[in-house]
C-alpha atoms as a PDB file:
ATOM      1  CA  UNK A   1     197.594  77.648 153.924  1.00  0.00           C
ATOM      2  CA  UNK A   2     197.451  76.174 150.385  1.00  0.00           C
ATOM      3  CA  UNK A   3     195.370  77.842 147.717  1.00  0.00           C
ATOM      4  CA  UNK A   4     192.570  75.614 146.382  1.00  0.00           C
ATOM      5  CA  UNK A   5     192.971  74.501 142.780  1.00  0.00           C
ATOM      6  CA  UNK A   6     189.720  75.470 141.048  1.00  0.00           C
ATOM      7  CA  UNK A   7     190.829  74.160 137.632  1.00  0.00           C
ATOM      8  CA  UNK A   8     190.164  70.532 138.606  1.00  0.00           C
ATOM      9  CA  UNK A   9     186.932  68.989 137.350  1.00  0.00           C
ATOM     10  CA  UNK A  10     184.939  66.384 139.284  1.00  0.00           C
ATOM     11  CA  UNK A  11     185.292  62.805 138.065  1.00  0.00           C
ATOM     12  CA  UNK A  12     182.606  61.493 135.739  1.00  0.00           C
ATOM     13  CA  UNK A  13     180.793  58.476 137.145  1.00  0.00           C
ATOM     14  CA  UNK A  14     179.108  55.992 134.837  1.00  0.00           C
ATOM     15  CA  UNK A  15     176.344  53.786 136.187  1.00  0.00           C
ATOM     16  CA  UNK A  16     176.151  51.548 133.121  1.00  0.00           C
ATOM     17  CA  UNK A  17     177.556  48.066 133.032  1.00  0.00           C
ATOM     18  CA  UNK A  18     176.925  44.549 134.328  1.00  0.00           C
ATOM     19  CA  UNK A  19     174.658  45.522 137.213  1.00  0.00           C
ATOM     20  CA  UNK A  20     171.838  46.494 134.846  1.00  0.00           C
ATOM     21  CA  UNK A  21     172.119  43.506 132.527  1.00  0.00           C
ATOM     22  CA  UNK A  22     168.982  41.619 131.562  1.00  0.00           C
ATOM     23  CA  UNK A  23     168.528  38.031 132.738  1.00  0.00           C
ATOM     24  CA  UNK A  24     168.964  35.350 130.097  1.00  0.00           C
ATOM     25  CA  UNK A  25     166.002  33.082 129.329  1.00  0.00           C
ATOM     26  CA  UNK A  26     168.003  30.015 130.443  1.00  0.00           C
ATOM     27  CA  UNK A  27     168.742  31.344 133.946  1.00  0.00           C
ATOM     28  CA  UNK A  28     166.227  33.960 135.170  1.00  0.00           C
ATOM     29  CA  UNK A  29     167.854  35.987 137.908  1.00  0.00           C
ATOM     30  CA  UNK A  30     166.151  37.354 141.017  1.00  0.00           C
ATOM     31  CA  UNK A  31     167.617  40.769 141.832  1.00  0.00           C
ATOM     32  CA  UNK A  32     167.057  43.297 144.610  1.00  0.00           C
ATOM     33  CA  UNK A  33     164.412  45.874 143.737  1.00  0.00           C
ATOM     34  CA  UNK A  34     166.533  48.672 145.204  1.00  0.00           C
ATOM     35  CA  UNK A  35     170.233  48.012 144.447  1.00  0.00           C
ATOM     36  CA  UNK A  36     169.954  45.287 141.758  1.00  0.00           C
ATOM     37  CA  UNK A  37     172.171  42.840 143.689  1.00  0.00           C
ATOM     38  CA  UNK A  38     171.746  39.203 142.650  1.00  0.00           C
ATOM     39  CA  UNK A  39     169.666  37.355 145.258  1.00  0.00           C
ATOM     40  CA  UNK A  40     169.025  34.050 143.523  1.00  0.00           C
ATOM     41  CA  UNK A  41     168.556  32.177 140.254  1.00  0.00           C
ATOM     42  CA  UNK A  42     165.392  30.285 139.305  1.00  0.00           C
ATOM     43  CA  UNK A  43     166.164  26.691 138.269  1.00  0.00           C
ATOM     44  CA  UNK A  44     163.603  23.962 137.526  1.00  0.00           C
ATOM     45  CA  UNK A  45     160.764  25.804 139.263  1.00  0.00           C
ATOM     46  CA  UNK A  46     162.741  26.432 142.471  1.00  0.00           C
ATOM     47  CA  UNK A  47     164.943  29.315 143.599  1.00  0.00           C
ATOM     48  CA  UNK A  48     168.665  28.639 144.070  1.00  0.00           C
ATOM     49  CA  UNK A  49     170.125  30.825 146.835  1.00  0.00           C
ATOM     50  CA  UNK A  50     173.861  30.893 147.603  1.00  0.00           C
ATOM     51  CA  UNK A  51     175.537  32.672 150.498  1.00  0.00           C
ATOM     52  CA  UNK A  52     179.057  33.096 151.828  1.00  0.00           C
ATOM     53  CA  UNK A  53     181.001  30.192 153.317  1.00  0.00           C
ATOM     54  CA  UNK A  54     179.327  27.527 151.179  1.00  0.00           C
ATOM     55  CA  UNK A  55     175.700  27.925 152.250  1.00  0.00           C
ATOM     56  CA  UNK A  56     173.373  26.936 149.389  1.00  0.00           C
ATOM     57  CA  UNK A  57     169.616  26.415 149.347  1.00  0.00           C
ATOM     58  CA  UNK A  58     166.988  25.357 146.808  1.00  0.00           C
ATOM     59  CA  UNK A  59     163.633  26.718 147.972  1.00  0.00           C
ATOM     60  CA  UNK A  60     160.054  26.751 146.704  1.00  0.00           C
ATOM     61  CA  UNK A  61     157.867  29.772 146.039  1.00  0.00           C
ATOM     62  CA  UNK A  62     156.996  32.273 147.407  1.00  0.00           C
ATOM     63  CA  UNK A  63     160.524  33.338 148.393  1.00  0.00           C
ATOM     64  CA  UNK A  64     161.273  36.265 150.718  1.00  0.00           C
ATOM     65  CA  UNK A  65     164.821  37.483 151.352  1.00  0.00           C
ATOM     66  CA  UNK A  66     166.580  40.519 152.764  1.00  0.00           C
ATOM     67  CA  UNK A  67     169.242  41.977 150.473  1.00  0.00           C
ATOM     68  CA  UNK A  68     172.675  41.719 152.096  1.00  0.00           C
ATOM     69  CA  UNK A  69     173.756  44.847 150.220  1.00  0.00           C
ATOM     70  CA  UNK A  70     171.095  47.402 151.162  1.00  0.00           C
ATOM     71  CA  UNK A  71     168.734  45.621 153.586  1.00  0.00           C
ATOM     72  CA  UNK A  72     165.629  45.804 151.391  1.00  0.00           C
ATOM     73  CA  UNK A  73     163.047  43.033 151.856  1.00  0.00           C
ATOM     74  CA  UNK A  74     162.396  41.309 148.496  1.00  0.00           C
ATOM     75  CA  UNK A  75     159.750  38.782 147.496  1.00  0.00           C
ATOM     76  CA  UNK A  76     159.398  36.466 144.493  1.00  0.00           C
ATOM     77  CA  UNK A  77     155.929  34.909 144.291  1.00  0.00           C
ATOM     78  CA  UNK A  78     156.414  32.553 141.321  1.00  0.00           C
ATOM     79  CA  UNK A  79     159.114  31.333 138.919  1.00  0.00           C
ATOM     80  CA  UNK A  80     160.159  33.886 136.297  1.00  0.00           C
ATOM     81  CA  UNK A  81     158.952  33.090 132.815  1.00  0.00           C
END
């Protein structure tokens, strides 16, 4: 049976990067409240939603969507300012 190597250190994980970026004033982003996944982008007072296989929707407010990443129910009641 092999002897465990105790000199190895666990890998350092960094959680900084693009996922925590702030939305720009020109394209306010709607992100999941739990995992920060992009759900939609507010354009001209409506929410632009895009899904796999070419499905795209422009919807009015309030908007309710389930995050495809973590399953959290999210709601946007008005356009971001």
